[in-house]
């Protein structure tokens, strides 16, 4: 397994384009600007591509893969067609289920549970959609924070409204599946919480 998942800071830059159906992101080490992960949606069917340009976009399935630049898969995130509340599966590099997300009913500002492989809640993602400020918490314990504000060395990379920083708490163990689940959750905040 790649050690990149054990970093505590990730700079996420969304690919933007006029006729972009797929969700694609590059993930950098904000301290040195090095590309460390790529998030792609490689197997997008043509019907899904068409629906992504309509009001039905929020219901379309997705299958997102996060890989190292040399092609080693770290996480796979997938969801089938969603009519009301999203249920997302997250799988590891061997395609084994490690957990997922379940959207909360009638949440204000956006909220979903991060679940382990037994559907037990590990933490909850909640935040302010308008300010793009999200927290992964269990009770008073903060696991991670996602924000559009950053003042580190990689600030010059951080120039677009489609970029944000993920900071995972140092207390989260190295190589723990919760790190992969948090990274996966960040990649699909838009797709899950826009419903």
N, C-alpha and C. Protein backbone atom coordinates (compact mmCIF):
# COMPACT_ATOMS: atom_id res chain seq x y z
N UNK A 1 0.84 -1.18 0.00
CA UNK A 1 0.00 0.00 0.00
C UNK A 1 0.89 1.24 0.00
N UNK A 2 0.46 2.25 -0.72
CA UNK A 2 1.19 3.50 -0.80
C UNK A 2 1.13 4.24 0.54
N UNK A 3 2.24 4.86 0.93
CA UNK A 3 2.31 5.61 2.18
C UNK A 3 1.70 7.00 2.06
N UNK A 4 1.33 7.40 0.84
CA UNK A 4 0.78 8.74 0.63
C UNK A 4 -0.50 8.97 1.44
N UNK A 5 -1.23 7.90 1.74
CA UNK A 5 -2.48 8.02 2.49
C UNK A 5 -2.21 8.45 3.94
N UNK A 6 -0.97 8.34 4.39
CA UNK A 6 -0.63 8.70 5.77
C UNK A 6 -0.29 10.18 5.94
N UNK A 7 -0.33 10.94 4.86
CA UNK A 7 -0.12 12.39 4.98
C UNK A 7 -1.31 13.01 5.71
N UNK A 8 -1.10 14.17 6.29
CA UNK A 8 -2.19 14.84 7.00
C UNK A 8 -2.75 16.03 6.25
N UNK A 9 -2.06 16.48 5.19
CA UNK A 9 -2.55 17.60 4.39
C UNK A 9 -2.63 17.20 2.92
N UNK A 10 -3.75 17.54 2.29
CA UNK A 10 -3.96 17.27 0.87
C UNK A 10 -4.57 18.51 0.23
N UNK A 11 -4.02 18.94 -0.89
CA UNK A 11 -4.59 20.03 -1.67
C UNK A 11 -5.31 19.43 -2.86
N UNK A 12 -6.62 19.64 -2.96
CA UNK A 12 -7.44 19.03 -4.00
C UNK A 12 -7.80 20.10 -5.02
N UNK A 13 -7.45 19.82 -6.29
CA UNK A 13 -7.75 20.73 -7.39
C UNK A 13 -8.68 20.02 -8.37
N UNK A 14 -9.85 20.59 -8.58
CA UNK A 14 -10.80 20.01 -9.52
C UNK A 14 -10.46 20.40 -10.94
N UNK A 15 -10.57 19.44 -11.87
CA UNK A 15 -10.42 19.76 -13.29
C UNK A 15 -11.68 20.49 -13.72
N UNK A 16 -11.51 21.58 -14.43
CA UNK A 16 -12.67 22.30 -14.92
C UNK A 16 -12.67 22.28 -16.44
N UNK A 17 -13.86 22.30 -17.00
CA UNK A 17 -14.00 22.29 -18.44
C UNK A 17 -15.41 22.64 -18.82
N UNK A 18 -15.57 23.14 -20.02
CA UNK A 18 -16.88 23.59 -20.48
C UNK A 18 -17.86 22.43 -20.63
N UNK A 19 -17.43 21.34 -21.25
CA UNK A 19 -18.30 20.19 -21.46
C UNK A 19 -17.74 18.97 -20.74
N UNK A 20 -17.63 19.07 -19.43
CA UNK A 20 -17.02 18.03 -18.61
C UNK A 20 -18.11 17.23 -17.92
N UNK A 21 -18.23 15.96 -18.26
CA UNK A 21 -19.21 15.09 -17.62
C UNK A 21 -18.61 14.35 -16.44
N UNK A 22 -17.33 13.96 -16.55
CA UNK A 22 -16.67 13.17 -15.51
C UNK A 22 -16.15 14.08 -14.40
N UNK A 23 -16.05 13.51 -13.21
CA UNK A 23 -15.48 14.20 -12.05
C UNK A 23 -14.01 13.82 -11.94
N UNK A 24 -13.13 14.78 -12.17
CA UNK A 24 -11.69 14.54 -12.14
C UNK A 24 -11.01 15.56 -11.25
N UNK A 25 -10.11 15.06 -10.38
CA UNK A 25 -9.37 15.91 -9.46
C UNK A 25 -7.90 15.48 -9.46
N UNK A 26 -7.03 16.44 -9.18
CA UNK A 26 -5.63 16.14 -8.88
C UNK A 26 -5.42 16.50 -7.41
N UNK A 27 -4.62 15.68 -6.73
CA UNK A 27 -4.38 15.88 -5.30
C UNK A 27 -2.89 16.09 -5.11
N UNK A 28 -2.54 17.21 -4.47
CA UNK A 28 -1.15 17.62 -4.30
C UNK A 28 -0.76 17.62 -2.82
N UNK A 29 0.54 17.52 -2.59
CA UNK A 29 1.09 17.80 -1.27
C UNK A 29 1.21 19.32 -1.21
N UNK A 30 0.43 20.00 -0.36
CA UNK A 30 0.44 21.47 -0.35
C UNK A 30 1.74 22.06 0.17
N UNK A 31 2.58 21.25 0.80
CA UNK A 31 3.83 21.78 1.34
C UNK A 31 4.92 21.91 0.29
N UNK A 32 4.82 21.09 -0.79
CA UNK A 32 5.85 21.20 -1.84
C UNK A 32 5.28 21.25 -3.25
N UNK A 33 3.96 21.16 -3.39
CA UNK A 33 3.32 21.25 -4.71
C UNK A 33 3.42 20.00 -5.55
N UNK A 34 3.89 18.89 -4.98
CA UNK A 34 4.05 17.64 -5.73
C UNK A 34 2.70 16.95 -5.92
N UNK A 35 2.43 16.49 -7.15
CA UNK A 35 1.23 15.69 -7.43
C UNK A 35 1.40 14.34 -6.77
N UNK A 36 0.46 13.98 -5.87
CA UNK A 36 0.60 12.71 -5.14
C UNK A 36 -0.51 11.71 -5.45
N UNK A 37 -1.69 12.21 -5.89
CA UNK A 37 -2.81 11.32 -6.21
C UNK A 37 -3.61 11.91 -7.36
N UNK A 38 -4.27 11.02 -8.11
CA UNK A 38 -5.18 11.43 -9.17
C UNK A 38 -6.53 10.76 -8.93
N UNK A 39 -7.57 11.54 -9.06
CA UNK A 39 -8.93 11.04 -8.85
C UNK A 39 -9.65 11.13 -10.19
N UNK A 40 -10.05 9.99 -10.73
CA UNK A 40 -10.66 9.95 -12.06
C UNK A 40 -11.92 9.10 -12.06
N UNK A 41 -12.75 9.37 -13.03
CA UNK A 41 -13.97 8.60 -13.28
C UNK A 41 -13.84 7.99 -14.67
N UNK A 42 -13.06 6.87 -14.79
CA UNK A 42 -12.66 6.38 -16.11
C UNK A 42 -13.73 5.63 -16.91
N UNK A 43 -14.68 5.03 -16.26
CA UNK A 43 -15.63 4.16 -16.96
C UNK A 43 -17.03 4.75 -17.02
N UNK A 44 -17.12 5.99 -17.46
CA UNK A 44 -18.40 6.69 -17.51
C UNK A 44 -19.15 6.29 -18.78
N UNK A 45 -20.33 5.70 -18.62
CA UNK A 45 -21.13 5.30 -19.77
C UNK A 45 -21.72 6.50 -20.51
N UNK A 46 -22.08 6.31 -21.76
CA UNK A 46 -22.56 7.43 -22.57
C UNK A 46 -23.90 7.97 -22.08
N UNK A 47 -24.77 7.11 -21.54
CA UNK A 47 -26.07 7.59 -21.02
C UNK A 47 -25.82 8.47 -19.79
N UNK A 48 -24.93 8.02 -18.92
CA UNK A 48 -24.58 8.82 -17.74
C UNK A 48 -23.97 10.15 -18.16
N UNK A 49 -23.08 10.12 -19.17
CA UNK A 49 -22.49 11.37 -19.67
C UNK A 49 -23.57 12.35 -20.12
N UNK A 50 -24.55 11.85 -20.84
CA UNK A 50 -25.63 12.72 -21.30
C UNK A 50 -26.43 13.28 -20.13
N UNK A 51 -26.75 12.42 -19.16
CA UNK A 51 -27.55 12.86 -18.01
C UNK A 51 -26.80 13.85 -17.12
N UNK A 52 -25.49 13.84 -17.16
CA UNK A 52 -24.71 14.78 -16.35
C UNK A 52 -24.90 16.23 -16.79
N UNK A 53 -25.44 16.43 -17.99
CA UNK A 53 -25.70 17.78 -18.50
C UNK A 53 -27.16 18.18 -18.35
N UNK A 54 -27.91 17.43 -17.52
CA UNK A 54 -29.33 17.71 -17.31
C UNK A 54 -29.59 17.91 -15.82
N UNK A 55 -30.86 18.13 -15.49
CA UNK A 55 -31.26 18.25 -14.08
C UNK A 55 -31.17 16.91 -13.34
N UNK A 56 -30.98 15.81 -14.08
CA UNK A 56 -30.89 14.48 -13.48
C UNK A 56 -29.46 14.14 -13.04
N UNK A 57 -28.55 15.09 -13.17
CA UNK A 57 -27.14 14.87 -12.82
C UNK A 57 -26.99 14.30 -11.42
N UNK A 58 -27.74 14.84 -10.46
CA UNK A 58 -27.60 14.42 -9.07
C UNK A 58 -28.02 12.97 -8.83
N UNK A 59 -28.73 12.37 -9.78
CA UNK A 59 -29.18 10.99 -9.63
C UNK A 59 -28.25 9.98 -10.31
N UNK A 60 -27.31 10.47 -11.09
CA UNK A 60 -26.48 9.55 -11.89
C UNK A 60 -25.52 8.74 -11.02
N UNK A 61 -25.22 7.53 -11.47
CA UNK A 61 -24.25 6.71 -10.74
C UNK A 61 -22.84 7.26 -10.96
N UNK A 62 -21.92 6.87 -10.08
CA UNK A 62 -20.52 7.20 -10.30
C UNK A 62 -19.63 6.06 -9.83
N UNK A 63 -18.44 6.01 -10.43
CA UNK A 63 -17.42 5.02 -10.09
C UNK A 63 -16.08 5.75 -10.21
N UNK A 64 -15.60 6.24 -9.09
CA UNK A 64 -14.42 7.09 -9.04
C UNK A 64 -13.25 6.30 -8.48
N UNK A 65 -12.08 6.48 -9.08
CA UNK A 65 -10.89 5.78 -8.59
C UNK A 65 -9.82 6.80 -8.23
N UNK A 66 -9.23 6.63 -7.05
CA UNK A 66 -8.12 7.45 -6.61
C UNK A 66 -6.87 6.59 -6.71
N UNK A 67 -5.91 7.07 -7.52
CA UNK A 67 -4.68 6.32 -7.76
C UNK A 67 -3.46 7.21 -7.59
N UNK A 68 -2.32 6.58 -7.36
CA UNK A 68 -1.06 7.32 -7.37
C UNK A 68 -0.75 7.66 -8.83
N UNK A 69 0.12 8.64 -9.08
CA UNK A 69 0.45 8.99 -10.47
C UNK A 69 0.99 7.82 -11.29
N UNK A 70 1.58 6.80 -10.63
CA UNK A 70 2.08 5.64 -11.37
C UNK A 70 1.01 4.55 -11.54
N UNK A 71 -0.24 4.82 -11.13
CA UNK A 71 -1.35 3.92 -11.41
C UNK A 71 -1.75 2.97 -10.30
N UNK A 72 -1.14 3.05 -9.13
CA UNK A 72 -1.52 2.17 -8.02
C UNK A 72 -2.81 2.67 -7.39
N UNK A 73 -3.85 1.83 -7.41
CA UNK A 73 -5.13 2.26 -6.85
C UNK A 73 -5.07 2.29 -5.34
N UNK A 74 -5.62 3.37 -4.77
CA UNK A 74 -5.70 3.56 -3.33
C UNK A 74 -7.13 3.29 -2.86
N UNK A 75 -8.10 3.88 -3.58
CA UNK A 75 -9.52 3.81 -3.18
C UNK A 75 -10.40 3.81 -4.43
N UNK A 76 -11.52 3.10 -4.35
CA UNK A 76 -12.56 3.13 -5.37
C UNK A 76 -13.87 3.53 -4.69
N UNK A 77 -14.55 4.52 -5.26
CA UNK A 77 -15.79 5.06 -4.68
C UNK A 77 -16.91 4.86 -5.70
N UNK A 78 -18.01 4.21 -5.29
CA UNK A 78 -19.07 3.97 -6.26
C UNK A 78 -20.46 4.13 -5.64
N UNK A 79 -21.37 4.52 -6.51
CA UNK A 79 -22.77 4.64 -6.14
C UNK A 79 -23.60 4.29 -7.36
N UNK A 80 -24.71 3.60 -7.14
CA UNK A 80 -25.64 3.33 -8.23
C UNK A 80 -26.54 4.54 -8.44
N UNK A 81 -27.59 4.35 -9.17
CA UNK A 81 -28.57 5.42 -9.40
C UNK A 81 -29.16 5.82 -8.06
N UNK A 82 -29.29 7.11 -7.81
CA UNK A 82 -29.80 7.61 -6.53
C UNK A 82 -31.04 8.46 -6.77
N UNK A 83 -32.17 8.03 -6.22
CA UNK A 83 -33.41 8.79 -6.40
C UNK A 83 -33.67 9.75 -5.25
N UNK A 84 -33.21 9.42 -4.04
CA UNK A 84 -33.52 10.29 -2.92
C UNK A 84 -32.29 10.51 -2.05
N UNK A 85 -31.89 9.52 -1.25
CA UNK A 85 -30.71 9.64 -0.40
C UNK A 85 -29.60 8.74 -0.92
N UNK A 86 -28.39 9.25 -0.92
CA UNK A 86 -27.25 8.50 -1.44
C UNK A 86 -26.73 7.47 -0.45
N UNK A 87 -26.32 6.33 -0.98
CA UNK A 87 -25.56 5.30 -0.24
C UNK A 87 -24.37 4.98 -1.12
N UNK A 88 -23.18 5.33 -0.65
CA UNK A 88 -21.96 5.21 -1.42
C UNK A 88 -21.08 4.12 -0.81
N UNK A 89 -20.46 3.29 -1.67
CA UNK A 89 -19.53 2.26 -1.22
C UNK A 89 -18.10 2.70 -1.48
N UNK A 90 -17.20 2.36 -0.55
CA UNK A 90 -15.77 2.64 -0.71
C UNK A 90 -15.01 1.32 -0.59
N UNK A 91 -14.14 1.09 -1.57
CA UNK A 91 -13.35 -0.15 -1.61
C UNK A 91 -11.86 0.20 -1.64
N UNK A 92 -11.04 -0.71 -1.12
CA UNK A 92 -9.60 -0.48 -1.06
C UNK A 92 -8.91 -0.88 -2.36
N UNK A 93 -7.58 -0.91 -2.33
CA UNK A 93 -6.79 -1.23 -3.53
C UNK A 93 -7.04 -2.64 -4.04
N UNK A 94 -7.53 -3.55 -3.19
CA UNK A 94 -7.84 -4.93 -3.60
C UNK A 94 -9.32 -5.12 -3.94
N UNK A 95 -10.07 -4.02 -3.98
CA UNK A 95 -11.50 -4.00 -4.25
C UNK A 95 -12.33 -4.61 -3.12
N UNK A 96 -11.75 -4.67 -1.91
CA UNK A 96 -12.48 -5.14 -0.73
C UNK A 96 -13.22 -3.95 -0.11
N UNK A 97 -14.46 -4.18 0.31
CA UNK A 97 -15.26 -3.13 0.92
C UNK A 97 -14.64 -2.70 2.24
N UNK A 98 -14.41 -1.38 2.39
CA UNK A 98 -13.88 -0.86 3.67
C UNK A 98 -14.89 0.04 4.36
N UNK A 99 -15.98 0.40 3.66
CA UNK A 99 -16.99 1.25 4.27
C UNK A 99 -17.78 2.02 3.23
N UNK A 100 -18.33 3.14 3.67
CA UNK A 100 -19.12 3.95 2.76
C UNK A 100 -19.70 5.17 3.45
N UNK A 101 -20.67 5.77 2.78
CA UNK A 101 -21.34 6.96 3.30
C UNK A 101 -22.84 6.80 3.13
N UNK A 102 -23.56 7.35 4.07
CA UNK A 102 -25.01 7.33 4.00
C UNK A 102 -25.50 8.74 4.32
N UNK A 103 -26.22 9.32 3.38
CA UNK A 103 -26.70 10.69 3.54
C UNK A 103 -27.76 10.77 4.62
N UNK A 104 -27.68 11.85 5.42
CA UNK A 104 -28.67 12.09 6.48
C UNK A 104 -29.92 12.71 5.87
N UNK A 105 -31.07 12.30 6.35
CA UNK A 105 -32.35 12.82 5.90
C UNK A 105 -32.59 14.20 6.49
N UNK A 106 -32.99 15.15 5.66
CA UNK A 106 -33.33 16.52 6.06
C UNK A 106 -32.22 17.21 6.86
N UNK A 107 -31.00 17.12 6.37
CA UNK A 107 -29.89 17.82 7.04
C UNK A 107 -29.76 19.23 6.47
N UNK A 108 -29.46 20.17 7.32
CA UNK A 108 -29.28 21.55 6.90
C UNK A 108 -27.80 21.78 6.69
N UNK A 109 -27.43 22.27 5.52
CA UNK A 109 -26.04 22.55 5.21
C UNK A 109 -25.30 21.35 4.65
N UNK A 110 -25.88 20.18 4.70
CA UNK A 110 -25.25 18.99 4.18
C UNK A 110 -24.65 18.14 5.28
N UNK A 111 -24.95 16.83 5.24
CA UNK A 111 -24.46 15.95 6.28
C UNK A 111 -24.59 14.50 5.82
N UNK A 112 -23.55 13.70 6.11
CA UNK A 112 -23.68 12.26 5.92
C UNK A 112 -22.78 11.52 6.88
N UNK A 113 -23.16 10.27 7.16
CA UNK A 113 -22.39 9.41 8.05
C UNK A 113 -21.31 8.70 7.25
N UNK A 114 -20.12 8.61 7.82
CA UNK A 114 -19.03 7.80 7.28
C UNK A 114 -19.09 6.48 8.03
N UNK A 115 -19.26 5.39 7.28
CA UNK A 115 -19.51 4.06 7.86
C UNK A 115 -18.34 3.13 7.62
N UNK A 116 -18.14 2.19 8.56
CA UNK A 116 -17.15 1.14 8.34
C UNK A 116 -17.78 0.03 7.50
N UNK A 117 -17.04 -1.05 7.27
CA UNK A 117 -17.55 -2.12 6.40
C UNK A 117 -18.75 -2.86 7.00
N UNK A 118 -18.99 -2.69 8.31
CA UNK A 118 -20.15 -3.31 8.96
C UNK A 118 -21.33 -2.35 9.10
N UNK A 119 -21.28 -1.23 8.38
CA UNK A 119 -22.32 -0.19 8.40
C UNK A 119 -22.44 0.51 9.75
N UNK A 120 -21.36 0.48 10.56
CA UNK A 120 -21.33 1.20 11.83
C UNK A 120 -20.75 2.58 11.58
N UNK A 121 -21.33 3.60 12.19
CA UNK A 121 -20.87 4.96 11.99
C UNK A 121 -19.51 5.19 12.64
N UNK A 122 -18.56 5.69 11.86
CA UNK A 122 -17.23 6.04 12.36
C UNK A 122 -17.22 7.50 12.78
N UNK A 123 -17.80 8.33 11.91
CA UNK A 123 -17.89 9.77 12.18
C UNK A 123 -18.95 10.36 11.25
N UNK A 124 -19.22 11.61 11.43
CA UNK A 124 -20.21 12.31 10.60
C UNK A 124 -19.54 13.48 9.91
N UNK A 125 -19.84 13.62 8.63
CA UNK A 125 -19.38 14.79 7.88
C UNK A 125 -20.52 15.79 7.90
N UNK A 126 -20.23 16.99 8.35
CA UNK A 126 -21.25 18.05 8.31
C UNK A 126 -20.55 19.37 8.10
N UNK A 127 -21.32 20.34 7.63
CA UNK A 127 -20.69 21.63 7.41
C UNK A 127 -21.61 22.63 6.75
N UNK A 128 -20.99 23.72 6.33
CA UNK A 128 -21.69 24.81 5.69
C UNK A 128 -21.43 24.75 4.19
N UNK A 129 -22.46 24.47 3.42
CA UNK A 129 -22.32 24.39 1.98
C UNK A 129 -21.90 25.72 1.39
N UNK A 130 -22.43 26.81 1.92
CA UNK A 130 -22.15 28.13 1.36
C UNK A 130 -20.70 28.54 1.56
N UNK A 131 -20.10 28.18 2.68
CA UNK A 131 -18.73 28.57 2.95
C UNK A 131 -17.72 27.49 2.62
N UNK A 132 -18.17 26.35 2.17
CA UNK A 132 -17.33 25.21 1.87
C UNK A 132 -16.40 24.92 3.05
N UNK A 133 -17.01 24.69 4.19
CA UNK A 133 -16.29 24.40 5.42
C UNK A 133 -16.94 23.15 6.03
N UNK A 134 -16.24 22.03 5.97
CA UNK A 134 -16.80 20.76 6.42
C UNK A 134 -15.90 20.12 7.48
N UNK A 135 -16.53 19.41 8.41
CA UNK A 135 -15.82 18.72 9.49
C UNK A 135 -16.24 17.26 9.56
N UNK A 136 -15.26 16.40 9.81
CA UNK A 136 -15.51 15.00 10.11
C UNK A 136 -15.35 14.87 11.62
N UNK A 137 -16.46 14.55 12.31
CA UNK A 137 -16.42 14.49 13.77
C UNK A 137 -17.17 13.28 14.31
N UNK A 138 -16.73 12.83 15.48
CA UNK A 138 -17.50 11.89 16.29
C UNK A 138 -17.55 12.52 17.67
N UNK A 139 -18.73 12.98 18.06
CA UNK A 139 -18.85 13.72 19.31
C UNK A 139 -18.03 14.99 19.22
N UNK A 140 -17.14 15.18 20.19
CA UNK A 140 -16.27 16.36 20.19
C UNK A 140 -14.94 16.11 19.49
N UNK A 141 -14.68 14.87 19.09
CA UNK A 141 -13.41 14.54 18.45
C UNK A 141 -13.46 14.87 16.96
N UNK A 142 -12.53 15.72 16.50
CA UNK A 142 -12.45 16.08 15.09
C UNK A 142 -11.45 15.18 14.38
N UNK A 143 -11.93 14.46 13.35
CA UNK A 143 -11.08 13.57 12.57
C UNK A 143 -10.39 14.31 11.43
N UNK A 144 -11.12 15.25 10.79
CA UNK A 144 -10.58 15.97 9.64
C UNK A 144 -11.41 17.22 9.38
N UNK A 145 -10.82 18.12 8.58
CA UNK A 145 -11.46 19.38 8.24
C UNK A 145 -11.20 19.66 6.76
N UNK A 146 -12.22 20.10 6.04
CA UNK A 146 -12.11 20.46 4.62
C UNK A 146 -12.49 21.92 4.50
N UNK A 147 -11.62 22.70 3.82
CA UNK A 147 -11.85 24.13 3.73
C UNK A 147 -11.30 24.66 2.41
N UNK A 148 -11.78 25.83 2.02
CA UNK A 148 -11.22 26.51 0.84
C UNK A 148 -10.17 27.52 1.25
N UNK A 149 -9.82 27.57 2.52
CA UNK A 149 -8.83 28.54 3.00
C UNK A 149 -7.51 27.83 3.27
N UNK A 150 -6.42 28.39 2.73
CA UNK A 150 -5.10 27.81 2.93
C UNK A 150 -4.06 28.89 2.79
N UNK A 151 -3.07 28.90 3.66
CA UNK A 151 -2.01 29.91 3.60
C UNK A 151 -0.64 29.27 3.68
N UNK A 152 -0.52 28.02 3.24
CA UNK A 152 0.76 27.32 3.31
C UNK A 152 1.65 27.59 2.10
N UNK A 153 2.72 26.80 2.00
CA UNK A 153 3.69 26.95 0.91
C UNK A 153 3.03 26.77 -0.45
N UNK A 154 2.08 25.85 -0.56
CA UNK A 154 1.42 25.58 -1.84
C UNK A 154 0.33 26.58 -2.19
N UNK A 155 0.33 27.74 -1.57
CA UNK A 155 -0.74 28.72 -1.79
C UNK A 155 -0.84 29.14 -3.25
N UNK A 156 0.28 29.16 -3.98
CA UNK A 156 0.22 29.57 -5.38
C UNK A 156 -0.57 28.56 -6.23
N UNK A 157 -0.66 27.32 -5.77
CA UNK A 157 -1.48 26.32 -6.46
C UNK A 157 -2.96 26.53 -6.15
N UNK A 158 -3.21 27.29 -5.12
CA UNK A 158 -4.54 27.40 -4.53
C UNK A 158 -5.24 28.68 -5.00
N UNK A 159 -5.51 28.78 -6.31
CA UNK A 159 -6.01 30.03 -6.86
C UNK A 159 -7.44 29.96 -7.37
N UNK A 160 -8.02 28.79 -7.47
CA UNK A 160 -9.35 28.66 -8.05
C UNK A 160 -10.39 28.33 -6.99
N UNK A 161 -11.65 28.70 -7.27
CA UNK A 161 -12.74 28.38 -6.36
C UNK A 161 -13.02 26.88 -6.32
N UNK A 162 -12.45 26.11 -7.26
CA UNK A 162 -12.67 24.67 -7.32
C UNK A 162 -11.58 23.90 -6.58
N UNK A 163 -10.84 24.56 -5.71
CA UNK A 163 -9.76 23.93 -4.96
C UNK A 163 -10.06 24.00 -3.47
N UNK A 164 -9.58 23.01 -2.74
CA UNK A 164 -9.77 23.02 -1.30
C UNK A 164 -8.70 22.18 -0.62
N UNK A 165 -8.59 22.35 0.68
CA UNK A 165 -7.58 21.65 1.46
C UNK A 165 -8.26 20.66 2.41
N UNK A 166 -7.70 19.47 2.50
CA UNK A 166 -8.14 18.46 3.47
C UNK A 166 -7.04 18.33 4.50
N UNK A 167 -7.41 18.48 5.77
CA UNK A 167 -6.46 18.30 6.87
C UNK A 167 -6.97 17.19 7.77
N UNK A 168 -6.24 16.08 7.81
CA UNK A 168 -6.60 14.93 8.65
C UNK A 168 -5.86 15.07 9.98
N UNK A 169 -6.57 14.84 11.08
CA UNK A 169 -5.97 14.97 12.42
C UNK A 169 -4.80 14.01 12.58
N UNK A 170 -3.76 14.49 13.22
CA UNK A 170 -2.56 13.67 13.45
C UNK A 170 -2.86 12.45 14.31
N UNK A 171 -3.93 12.50 15.08
CA UNK A 171 -4.28 11.37 15.96
C UNK A 171 -4.79 10.16 15.19
N UNK A 172 -5.19 10.34 13.92
CA UNK A 172 -5.68 9.21 13.12
C UNK A 172 -4.49 8.33 12.76
N UNK A 173 -4.58 7.05 13.12
CA UNK A 173 -3.47 6.11 12.93
C UNK A 173 -3.06 6.01 11.47
N UNK A 174 -1.77 5.78 11.25
CA UNK A 174 -1.24 5.52 9.92
C UNK A 174 -1.85 4.24 9.38
N UNK A 175 -2.10 4.21 8.08
CA UNK A 175 -2.65 3.04 7.37
C UNK A 175 -4.05 2.63 7.81
N UNK A 176 -4.72 3.43 8.62
CA UNK A 176 -6.07 3.10 9.07
C UNK A 176 -7.07 3.38 7.94
N UNK A 177 -8.06 2.50 7.79
CA UNK A 177 -9.08 2.67 6.74
C UNK A 177 -9.83 3.99 6.84
N UNK A 178 -9.93 4.58 8.03
CA UNK A 178 -10.66 5.84 8.17
C UNK A 178 -9.99 6.94 7.33
N UNK A 179 -8.68 6.88 7.13
CA UNK A 179 -7.99 7.84 6.27
C UNK A 179 -8.50 7.73 4.83
N UNK A 180 -8.63 6.52 4.34
CA UNK A 180 -9.14 6.30 2.98
C UNK A 180 -10.59 6.74 2.87
N UNK A 181 -11.37 6.46 3.90
CA UNK A 181 -12.79 6.84 3.88
C UNK A 181 -12.95 8.36 3.87
N UNK A 182 -12.13 9.06 4.64
CA UNK A 182 -12.20 10.52 4.66
C UNK A 182 -11.81 11.09 3.30
N UNK A 183 -10.72 10.59 2.73
CA UNK A 183 -10.30 11.07 1.41
C UNK A 183 -11.38 10.79 0.36
N UNK A 184 -11.97 9.62 0.42
CA UNK A 184 -13.04 9.27 -0.51
C UNK A 184 -14.26 10.19 -0.33
N UNK A 185 -14.60 10.48 0.91
CA UNK A 185 -15.75 11.35 1.19
C UNK A 185 -15.55 12.73 0.60
N UNK A 186 -14.33 13.26 0.72
CA UNK A 186 -14.05 14.59 0.18
C UNK A 186 -14.25 14.62 -1.33
N UNK A 187 -13.88 13.53 -2.01
CA UNK A 187 -14.00 13.48 -3.46
C UNK A 187 -15.45 13.51 -3.94
N UNK A 188 -16.38 13.14 -3.08
CA UNK A 188 -17.77 13.12 -3.55
C UNK A 188 -18.72 13.98 -2.71
N UNK A 189 -18.18 14.98 -2.01
CA UNK A 189 -19.06 15.92 -1.30
C UNK A 189 -20.04 16.57 -2.25
N UNK A 190 -19.55 17.06 -3.38
CA UNK A 190 -20.42 17.70 -4.37
C UNK A 190 -21.55 16.77 -4.82
N UNK A 191 -21.17 15.54 -5.19
CA UNK A 191 -22.13 14.62 -5.79
C UNK A 191 -23.16 14.11 -4.80
N UNK A 192 -22.79 13.97 -3.54
CA UNK A 192 -23.72 13.45 -2.53
C UNK A 192 -24.55 14.56 -1.92
N UNK A 193 -23.94 15.67 -1.57
CA UNK A 193 -24.66 16.72 -0.83
C UNK A 193 -25.45 17.67 -1.70
N UNK A 194 -25.29 17.62 -3.02
CA UNK A 194 -26.10 18.47 -3.88
C UNK A 194 -27.49 17.89 -4.10
N UNK A 195 -27.74 16.70 -3.56
CA UNK A 195 -29.06 16.10 -3.76
C UNK A 195 -30.11 16.79 -2.96
